[in-house]
Amino acid sequence: MFSVTLSTAANGGGGWLSIALMVVLFIGVFYFFGIRPQKKQEKEAADMRNSLMVGDEITTIGGIIGKIVSLKEETMVIETTRDHTRIRLLKSAVRSVDVRVEETRAPKATEEENKTEKD
C-alpha cells in the first residue's frame, strides 16, 4: 500500500511540473512572436519620426500627402497643395516618409560637381 501512495504522489508532482513547463514555454513563444516584433516596429517608427526634416514629403495615417514646412517638438506644419494649403499635425500622425530631403539634394550636388570637373 505504501508503494502505491508514493507512485501516485510522484505522478501528481510530475503533472504540475509539465504544466509549469508548458506555461513558461507558451510565455516564451508569445514574447518572441508577439511582443518583441511589436516593440521593434514601435522603435523604428519613433526613429523615423525623430529624423523628420523640413522639406521631407510625408504621408499621414489619414492618407494626407504633403511637404513639411516647419517642425517643433511634437507638432509640424505641412503644405498639401499647389495653393500652399497648410495643415498643423502631430508628429505621431506620420505613417511614412516618401521623399527625404537628402535624396532630392544629393543628385543636384553631384551634377554641380560634375559640371565643375568638366570645366
Protein backbone atom coordinates (compact mmCIF):
# COMPACT_ATOMS: atom_id res chain seq x y z
CA MET A 1 0.00 0.00 0.00
CA PHE A 2 2.79 2.35 0.81
CA SER A 3 4.35 1.95 -2.63
CA VAL A 4 1.05 2.79 -4.32
CA THR A 5 0.72 6.12 -2.50
CA LEU A 6 4.32 7.07 -3.32
CA SER A 7 3.87 6.40 -7.00
CA THR A 8 0.64 8.43 -7.05
CA ALA A 9 2.37 11.37 -5.36
CA ALA A 10 5.26 11.17 -7.80
CA ASN A 11 2.89 11.23 -10.79
CA GLY A 12 0.97 14.20 -9.39
CA GLY A 13 4.17 16.20 -8.91
CA GLY A 14 5.30 15.41 -12.44
CA GLY A 15 1.99 16.66 -13.80
CA TRP A 16 2.43 20.06 -12.18
CA LEU A 17 5.97 20.27 -13.47
CA SER A 18 4.87 19.61 -17.04
CA ILE A 19 2.07 22.21 -16.74
CA ALA A 20 4.51 24.81 -15.39
CA LEU A 21 6.93 23.99 -18.21
CA MET A 22 4.15 24.41 -20.80
CA VAL A 23 3.15 27.80 -19.32
CA VAL A 24 6.76 29.02 -19.40
CA LEU A 25 7.14 27.76 -22.97
CA PHE A 26 3.88 29.50 -24.01
CA ILE A 27 5.02 32.78 -22.46
CA GLY A 28 8.39 32.50 -24.24
CA VAL A 29 6.79 31.83 -27.62
CA PHE A 30 4.31 34.67 -27.09
CA TYR A 31 7.17 37.05 -26.26
CA PHE A 32 9.30 36.17 -29.31
CA PHE A 33 6.43 36.15 -31.81
CA GLY A 34 4.18 38.85 -30.32
CA ILE A 35 5.80 41.41 -28.06
CA ARG A 36 9.34 41.58 -29.47
CA PRO A 37 8.40 42.36 -33.12
CA GLN A 38 5.87 44.97 -31.97
CA LYS A 39 8.48 46.76 -29.86
CA LYS A 40 10.88 46.68 -32.81
CA GLN A 41 8.25 48.28 -35.07
CA GLU A 42 7.50 50.95 -32.46
CA LYS A 43 11.21 51.77 -32.17
CA GLU A 44 11.59 52.06 -35.96
CA ALA A 45 8.53 54.36 -36.15
CA ALA A 46 9.89 56.56 -33.34
CA ASP A 47 13.29 56.78 -35.08
CA MET A 48 11.58 57.73 -38.35
CA ARG A 49 9.52 60.45 -36.64
CA ASN A 50 12.57 61.81 -34.81
CA SER A 51 14.53 62.06 -38.06
CA LEU A 52 11.94 64.20 -39.87
CA MET A 53 13.35 67.30 -41.54
CA VAL A 54 11.88 70.38 -43.18
CA GLY A 55 11.36 69.57 -46.86
CA ASP A 56 10.57 65.87 -46.41
CA GLU A 57 7.48 64.63 -48.21
CA ILE A 58 5.32 62.53 -45.90
CA THR A 59 2.10 60.53 -45.79
CA THR A 60 -0.05 60.73 -42.68
CA ILE A 61 -2.08 57.99 -41.05
CA GLY A 62 -5.19 59.56 -42.60
CA GLY A 63 -3.69 59.46 -46.09
CA ILE A 64 -2.77 63.15 -46.41
CA ILE A 65 0.34 63.70 -48.51
CA GLY A 66 2.39 66.85 -48.05
CA LYS A 67 5.76 68.51 -47.60
CA ILE A 68 6.99 69.53 -44.15
CA VAL A 69 7.26 73.31 -43.82
CA SER A 70 8.13 73.65 -40.12
CA LEU A 71 8.87 71.36 -37.18
CA LYS A 72 8.52 71.68 -33.42
CA GLU A 73 8.91 69.13 -30.64
CA GLU A 74 5.57 67.36 -31.04
CA THR A 75 3.95 69.15 -33.99
CA MET A 76 4.68 70.11 -37.58
CA VAL A 77 3.12 72.09 -40.39
CA ILE A 78 2.81 70.59 -43.86
CA GLU A 79 1.83 72.02 -47.25
CA THR A 80 -0.55 69.81 -49.16
CA THR A 81 -1.35 71.50 -52.50
CA ARG A 82 -0.03 73.96 -55.03
CA ASP A 83 -2.24 76.58 -53.38
CA HIS A 84 0.03 76.20 -50.34
CA THR A 85 -2.69 74.88 -48.04
CA ARG A 86 -1.05 74.35 -44.66
CA ILE A 87 -2.11 71.83 -42.02
CA ARG A 88 -0.75 71.54 -38.49
CA LEU A 89 -0.28 67.90 -37.39
CA LEU A 90 1.20 65.87 -34.57
CA LYS A 91 4.39 64.02 -35.40
CA SER A 92 2.69 60.82 -34.27
CA ALA A 93 0.31 61.16 -37.26
CA VAL A 94 3.12 60.43 -39.75
CA ARG A 95 2.86 56.98 -41.32
CA SER A 96 5.79 57.17 -43.73
CA VAL A 97 8.40 59.44 -45.26
CA ASP A 98 8.04 59.27 -49.05
CA VAL A 99 10.91 61.55 -50.16
CA ARG A 100 13.74 62.62 -47.89
CA VAL A 101 15.43 66.00 -48.26
CA GLU A 102 18.86 64.39 -48.75
CA GLU A 103 17.56 62.31 -51.68
CA THR A 104 16.44 65.38 -53.60
CA ARG A 105 19.53 67.47 -52.87
CA ALA A 106 22.16 64.78 -53.39
CA PRO A 107 21.71 64.40 -57.19
CA LYS A 108 21.84 68.17 -57.68
CA ALA A 109 25.06 68.37 -55.72
CA THR A 110 26.67 65.64 -57.80
CA GLU A 111 25.51 67.33 -61.03
CA GLU A 112 27.13 70.59 -59.91
CA GLU A 113 30.34 68.76 -59.04
CA ASN A 114 30.37 67.09 -62.46
CA LYS A 115 29.90 70.46 -64.19
CA THR A 116 32.84 71.97 -62.30
CA GLU A 117 35.01 68.96 -63.12
CA LYS A 118 34.18 69.27 -66.85
CA ASP A 119 35.05 72.98 -66.90
